[in-house]
């Protein structure tokens, strides 16, 4: 997991590494990964948006 704070926006970026599994093969790992990025309002703690990416979140 990666957590970054963006001072200009007042938001947190939380990135979770996800591992793809093949449910047809008993949950066997496929070797593929994605990052789930969740953007959270730093003042109120509410989720603003969430999206997947191939790359690790960048702290700005």
PDB file of N, CA and C in Angstrom:
ATOM      1  N   UNK A   1       0.846  -1.165   0.000  1.00  0.00           N
ATOM      2  CA  UNK A   1       0.000   0.000   0.000  1.00  0.00           C
ATOM      3  C   UNK A   1       0.899   1.237   0.000  1.00  0.00           C
ATOM      4  N   UNK A   2       0.446   2.266  -0.705  1.00  0.00           N
ATOM      5  CA  UNK A   2       1.142   3.544  -0.770  1.00  0.00           C
ATOM      6  C   UNK A   2       0.168   4.650  -0.382  1.00  0.00           C
ATOM      7  N   UNK A   3       0.624   5.578   0.454  1.00  0.00           N
ATOM      8  CA  UNK A   3      -0.215   6.715   0.838  1.00  0.00           C
ATOM      9  C   UNK A   3       0.579   7.993   0.602  1.00  0.00           C
ATOM     10  N   UNK A   4      -0.032   8.948  -0.091  1.00  0.00           N
ATOM     11  CA  UNK A   4       0.601  10.235  -0.370  1.00  0.00           C
ATOM     12  C   UNK A   4      -0.381  11.352  -0.027  1.00  0.00           C
ATOM     13  N   UNK A   5       0.156  12.499   0.353  1.00  0.00           N
ATOM     14  CA  UNK A   5      -0.681  13.671   0.600  1.00  0.00           C
ATOM     15  C   UNK A   5      -0.323  14.737  -0.424  1.00  0.00           C
ATOM     16  N   UNK A   6      -1.325  15.304  -1.081  1.00  0.00           N
ATOM     17  CA  UNK A   6      -1.129  16.380  -2.044  1.00  0.00           C
ATOM     18  C   UNK A   6      -1.561  17.682  -1.389  1.00  0.00           C
ATOM     19  N   UNK A   7      -0.585  18.485  -0.960  1.00  0.00           N
ATOM     20  CA  UNK A   7      -0.892  19.715  -0.236  1.00  0.00           C
ATOM     21  C   UNK A   7      -1.691  20.719  -1.075  1.00  0.00           C
ATOM     22  N   UNK A   8      -1.360  20.932  -2.363  1.00  0.00           N
ATOM     23  CA  UNK A   8      -2.141  21.901  -3.145  1.00  0.00           C
ATOM     24  C   UNK A   8      -3.626  21.533  -3.255  1.00  0.00           C
ATOM     25  N   UNK A   9      -3.932  20.236  -3.333  1.00  0.00           N
ATOM     26  CA  UNK A   9      -5.317  19.775  -3.466  1.00  0.00           C
ATOM     27  C   UNK A   9      -5.965  19.468  -2.124  1.00  0.00           C
ATOM     28  N   UNK A  10      -5.154  19.244  -1.111  1.00  0.00           N
ATOM     29  CA  UNK A  10      -5.683  18.844   0.189  1.00  0.00           C
ATOM     30  C   UNK A  10      -6.282  17.448   0.165  1.00  0.00           C
ATOM     31  N   UNK A  11      -5.686  16.564  -0.656  1.00  0.00           N
ATOM     32  CA  UNK A  11      -6.209  15.207  -0.793  1.00  0.00           C
ATOM     33  C   UNK A  11      -5.136  14.164  -0.491  1.00  0.00           C
ATOM     34  N   UNK A  12      -5.595  12.993  -0.153  1.00  0.00           N
ATOM     35  CA  UNK A  12      -4.723  11.833   0.002  1.00  0.00           C
ATOM     36  C   UNK A  12      -4.926  10.904  -1.182  1.00  0.00           C
ATOM     37  N   UNK A  13      -3.851  10.287  -1.641  1.00  0.00           N
ATOM     38  CA  UNK A  13      -3.926   9.228  -2.641  1.00  0.00           C
ATOM     39  C   UNK A  13      -3.503   7.952  -1.939  1.00  0.00           C
ATOM     40  N   UNK A  14      -4.388   6.973  -1.945  1.00  0.00           N
ATOM     41  CA  UNK A  14      -4.083   5.671  -1.350  1.00  0.00           C
ATOM     42  C   UNK A  14      -4.062   4.658  -2.479  1.00  0.00           C
ATOM     43  N   UNK A  15      -2.938   3.984  -2.634  1.00  0.00           N
ATOM     44  CA  UNK A  15      -2.793   2.994  -3.693  1.00  0.00           C
ATOM     45  C   UNK A  15      -2.646   1.598  -3.107  1.00  0.00           C
ATOM     46  N   UNK A  16      -3.464   0.680  -3.593  1.00  0.00           N
ATOM     47  CA  UNK A  16      -3.414  -0.719  -3.164  1.00  0.00           C
ATOM     48  C   UNK A  16      -2.993  -1.574  -4.350  1.00  0.00           C
ATOM     49  N   UNK A  17      -2.031  -2.447  -4.135  1.00  0.00           N
ATOM     50  CA  UNK A  17      -1.614  -3.373  -5.181  1.00  0.00           C
ATOM     51  C   UNK A  17      -2.553  -4.568  -5.187  1.00  0.00           C
ATOM     52  N   UNK A  18      -3.139  -4.831  -6.346  1.00  0.00           N
ATOM     53  CA  UNK A  18      -4.080  -5.939  -6.505  1.00  0.00           C
ATOM     54  C   UNK A  18      -3.435  -7.042  -7.328  1.00  0.00           C
ATOM     55  N   UNK A  19      -3.678  -8.289  -6.961  1.00  0.00           N
ATOM     56  CA  UNK A  19      -3.143  -9.445  -7.666  1.00  0.00           C
ATOM     57  C   UNK A  19      -4.285 -10.177  -8.357  1.00  0.00           C
ATOM     58  N   UNK A  20      -4.171 -10.350  -9.660  1.00  0.00           N
ATOM     59  CA  UNK A  20      -5.226 -11.014 -10.420  1.00  0.00           C
ATOM     60  C   UNK A  20      -5.200 -12.526 -10.167  1.00  0.00           C
ATOM     61  N   UNK A  21      -6.399 -13.072  -9.963  1.00  0.00           N
ATOM     62  CA  UNK A  21      -6.542 -14.518  -9.789  1.00  0.00           C
ATOM     63  C   UNK A  21      -7.470 -15.067 -10.859  1.00  0.00           C
ATOM     64  N   UNK A  22      -7.242 -16.303 -11.239  1.00  0.00           N
ATOM     65  CA  UNK A  22      -8.098 -16.982 -12.214  1.00  0.00           C
ATOM     66  C   UNK A  22      -9.095 -17.836 -11.431  1.00  0.00           C
ATOM     67  N   UNK A  23     -10.353 -17.382 -11.400  1.00  0.00           N
ATOM     68  CA  UNK A  23     -11.354 -18.120 -10.610  1.00  0.00           C
ATOM     69  C   UNK A  23     -11.711 -19.458 -11.248  1.00  0.00           C
ATOM     70  N   UNK A  24     -11.445 -19.604 -12.543  1.00  0.00           N
ATOM     71  CA  UNK A  24     -11.732 -20.879 -13.208  1.00  0.00           C
ATOM     72  C   UNK A  24     -10.694 -21.944 -12.875  1.00  0.00           C
ATOM     73  N   UNK A  25      -9.557 -21.504 -12.324  1.00  0.00           N
ATOM     74  CA  UNK A  25      -8.499 -22.447 -11.941  1.00  0.00           C
ATOM     75  C   UNK A  25      -8.287 -22.437 -10.434  1.00  0.00           C
ATOM     76  N   UNK A  26      -9.380 -22.331  -9.689  1.00  0.00           N
ATOM     77  CA  UNK A  26      -9.311 -22.413  -8.229  1.00  0.00           C
ATOM     78  C   UNK A  26      -8.656 -21.225  -7.551  1.00  0.00           C
ATOM     79  N   UNK A  27      -8.687 -20.069  -8.180  1.00  0.00           N
ATOM     80  CA  UNK A  27      -8.101 -18.883  -7.567  1.00  0.00           C
ATOM     81  C   UNK A  27      -6.602 -18.769  -7.766  1.00  0.00           C
ATOM     82  N   UNK A  28      -6.073 -19.499  -8.732  1.00  0.00           N
ATOM     83  CA  UNK A  28      -4.633 -19.470  -9.024  1.00  0.00           C
ATOM     84  C   UNK A  28      -4.213 -18.071  -9.477  1.00  0.00           C
ATOM     85  N   UNK A  29      -3.087 -17.577  -8.943  1.00  0.00           N
ATOM     86  CA  UNK A  29      -2.570 -16.270  -9.348  1.00  0.00           C
ATOM     87  C   UNK A  29      -2.110 -16.315 -10.801  1.00  0.00           C
ATOM     88  N   UNK A  30      -2.436 -15.248 -11.555  1.00  0.00           N
ATOM     89  CA  UNK A  30      -2.057 -15.190 -12.972  1.00  0.00           C
ATOM     90  C   UNK A  30      -0.708 -14.513 -13.181  1.00  0.00           C
ATOM     91  N   UNK A  31      -0.215 -13.794 -12.177  1.00  0.00           N
ATOM     92  CA  UNK A  31       1.030 -13.048 -12.316  1.00  0.00           C
ATOM     93  C   UNK A  31       0.796 -11.601 -12.736  1.00  0.00           C
ATOM     94  N   UNK A  32      -0.453 -11.231 -13.036  1.00  0.00           N
ATOM     95  CA  UNK A  32      -0.776  -9.859 -13.425  1.00  0.00           C
ATOM     96  C   UNK A  32      -1.169  -9.054 -12.185  1.00  0.00           C
ATOM     97  N   UNK A  33      -0.786  -7.779 -12.188  1.00  0.00           N
ATOM     98  CA  UNK A  33      -1.131  -6.888 -11.082  1.00  0.00           C
ATOM     99  C   UNK A  33      -1.701  -5.577 -11.621  1.00  0.00           C
ATOM    100  N   UNK A  34      -2.444  -4.893 -10.783  1.00  0.00           N
ATOM    101  CA  UNK A  34      -2.983  -3.554 -11.055  1.00  0.00           C
ATOM    102  C   UNK A  34      -2.930  -2.781  -9.743  1.00  0.00           C
ATOM    103  N   UNK A  35      -2.925  -1.469  -9.841  1.00  0.00           N
ATOM    104  CA  UNK A  35      -3.025  -0.611  -8.669  1.00  0.00           C
ATOM    105  C   UNK A  35      -4.426  -0.041  -8.596  1.00  0.00           C
ATOM    106  N   UNK A  36      -5.046  -0.107  -7.441  1.00  0.00           N
ATOM    107  CA  UNK A  36      -6.323   0.548  -7.195  1.00  0.00           C
ATOM    108  C   UNK A  36      -5.996   1.842  -6.456  1.00  0.00           C
ATOM    109  N   UNK A  37      -6.330   2.969  -7.061  1.00  0.00           N
ATOM    110  CA  UNK A  37      -6.049   4.273  -6.478  1.00  0.00           C
ATOM    111  C   UNK A  37      -7.333   4.888  -5.946  1.00  0.00           C
ATOM    112  N   UNK A  38      -7.300   5.320  -4.692  1.00  0.00           N
ATOM    113  CA  UNK A  38      -8.461   5.942  -4.058  1.00  0.00           C
ATOM    114  C   UNK A  38      -8.035   7.348  -3.630  1.00  0.00           C
ATOM    115  N   UNK A  39      -8.779   8.363  -4.092  1.00  0.00           N
ATOM    116  CA  UNK A  39      -8.498   9.752  -3.742  1.00  0.00           C
ATOM    117  C   UNK A  39      -9.474  10.166  -2.651  1.00  0.00           C
ATOM    118  N   UNK A  40      -8.926  10.666  -1.531  1.00  0.00           N
ATOM    119  CA  UNK A  40      -9.737  11.003  -0.363  1.00  0.00           C
ATOM    120  C   UNK A  40      -9.533  12.471   0.005  1.00  0.00           C
ATOM    121  N   UNK A  41     -10.634  13.159   0.315  1.00  0.00           N
ATOM    122  CA  UNK A  41     -10.593  14.540   0.768  1.00  0.00           C
ATOM    123  C   UNK A  41      -9.894  14.596   2.124  1.00  0.00           C
ATOM    124  N   UNK A  42      -8.816  15.372   2.210  1.00  0.00           N
ATOM    125  CA  UNK A  42      -8.044  15.457   3.444  1.00  0.00           C
ATOM    126  C   UNK A  42      -8.772  16.161   4.570  1.00  0.00           C
ATOM    127  N   UNK A  43      -9.757  17.002   4.242  1.00  0.00           N
ATOM    128  CA  UNK A  43     -10.478  17.729   5.276  1.00  0.00           C
ATOM    129  C   UNK A  43     -11.650  16.964   5.852  1.00  0.00           C
ATOM    130  N   UNK A  44     -12.350  16.225   5.008  1.00  0.00           N
ATOM    131  CA  UNK A  44     -13.555  15.543   5.474  1.00  0.00           C
ATOM    132  C   UNK A  44     -13.464  14.032   5.462  1.00  0.00           C
ATOM    133  N   UNK A  45     -12.450  13.481   4.794  1.00  0.00           N
ATOM    134  CA  UNK A  45     -12.283  12.031   4.766  1.00  0.00           C
ATOM    135  C   UNK A  45     -13.195  11.297   3.806  1.00  0.00           C
ATOM    136  N   UNK A  46     -13.884  12.040   2.923  1.00  0.00           N
ATOM    137  CA  UNK A  46     -14.787  11.389   1.964  1.00  0.00           C
ATOM    138  C   UNK A  46     -14.027  10.980   0.706  1.00  0.00           C
ATOM    139  N   UNK A  47     -14.441   9.873   0.122  1.00  0.00           N
ATOM    140  CA  UNK A  47     -13.846   9.406  -1.124  1.00  0.00           C
ATOM    141  C   UNK A  47     -14.296  10.320  -2.258  1.00  0.00           C
ATOM    142  N   UNK A  48     -13.329  10.833  -3.018  1.00  0.00           N
ATOM    143  CA  UNK A  48     -13.619  11.686  -4.162  1.00  0.00           C
ATOM    144  C   UNK A  48     -13.759  10.842  -5.423  1.00  0.00           C
ATOM    145  N   UNK A  49     -12.800   9.943  -5.638  1.00  0.00           N
ATOM    146  CA  UNK A  49     -12.835   9.062  -6.806  1.00  0.00           C
ATOM    147  C   UNK A  49     -11.937   7.855  -6.553  1.00  0.00           C
ATOM    148  N   UNK A  50     -12.079   6.858  -7.381  1.00  0.00           N
ATOM    149  CA  UNK A  50     -11.222   5.669  -7.335  1.00  0.00           C
ATOM    150  C   UNK A  50     -11.080   5.151  -8.751  1.00  0.00           C
ATOM    151  N   UNK A  51      -9.880   4.665  -9.102  1.00  0.00           N
ATOM    152  CA  UNK A  51      -9.638   4.186 -10.457  1.00  0.00           C
ATOM    153  C   UNK A  51      -8.453   3.212 -10.461  1.00  0.00           C
ATOM    154  N   UNK A  52      -8.420   2.306 -11.433  1.00  0.00           N
ATOM    155  CA  UNK A  52      -7.295   1.378 -11.558  1.00  0.00           C
ATOM    156  C   UNK A  52      -6.207   1.955 -12.465  1.00  0.00           C
ATOM    157  N   UNK A  53      -4.956   1.588 -12.224  1.00  0.00           N
ATOM    158  CA  UNK A  53      -3.848   1.950 -13.110  1.00  0.00           C
ATOM    159  C   UNK A  53      -2.867   0.781 -13.181  1.00  0.00           C
ATOM    160  N   UNK A  54      -2.039   0.820 -14.180  1.00  0.00           N
ATOM    161  CA  UNK A  54      -0.979  -0.185 -14.308  1.00  0.00           C
ATOM    162  C   UNK A  54       0.252   0.201 -13.501  1.00  0.00           C
ATOM    163  N   UNK A  55       0.420   1.505 -13.260  1.00  0.00           N
ATOM    164  CA  UNK A  55       1.600   2.010 -12.571  1.00  0.00           C
ATOM    165  C   UNK A  55       1.308   2.373 -11.125  1.00  0.00           C
ATOM    166  N   UNK A  56       2.346   2.303 -10.302  1.00  0.00           N
ATOM    167  CA  UNK A  56       2.245   2.700  -8.903  1.00  0.00           C
ATOM    168  C   UNK A  56       1.876   4.186  -8.831  1.00  0.00           C
ATOM    169  N   UNK A  57       1.029   4.591  -7.873  1.00  0.00           N
ATOM    170  CA  UNK A  57       0.664   5.998  -7.749  1.00  0.00           C
ATOM    171  C   UNK A  57       1.891   6.866  -7.507  1.00  0.00           C
ATOM    172  N   UNK A  58       1.889   8.042  -8.112  1.00  0.00           N
ATOM    173  CA  UNK A  58       3.002   8.977  -7.929  1.00  0.00           C
ATOM    174  C   UNK A  58       2.628  10.031  -6.906  1.00  0.00           C
ATOM    175  N   UNK A  59       3.515  10.266  -5.977  1.00  0.00           N
ATOM    176  CA  UNK A  59       3.299  11.308  -4.977  1.00  0.00           C
ATOM    177  C   UNK A  59       3.751  12.636  -5.573  1.00  0.00           C
ATOM    178  N   UNK A  60       2.883  13.632  -5.509  1.00  0.00           N
ATOM    179  CA  UNK A  60       3.230  14.942  -6.078  1.00  0.00           C
ATOM    180  C   UNK A  60       3.220  15.997  -5.030  1.00  0.00           C
TER     181      UNK A  60
END
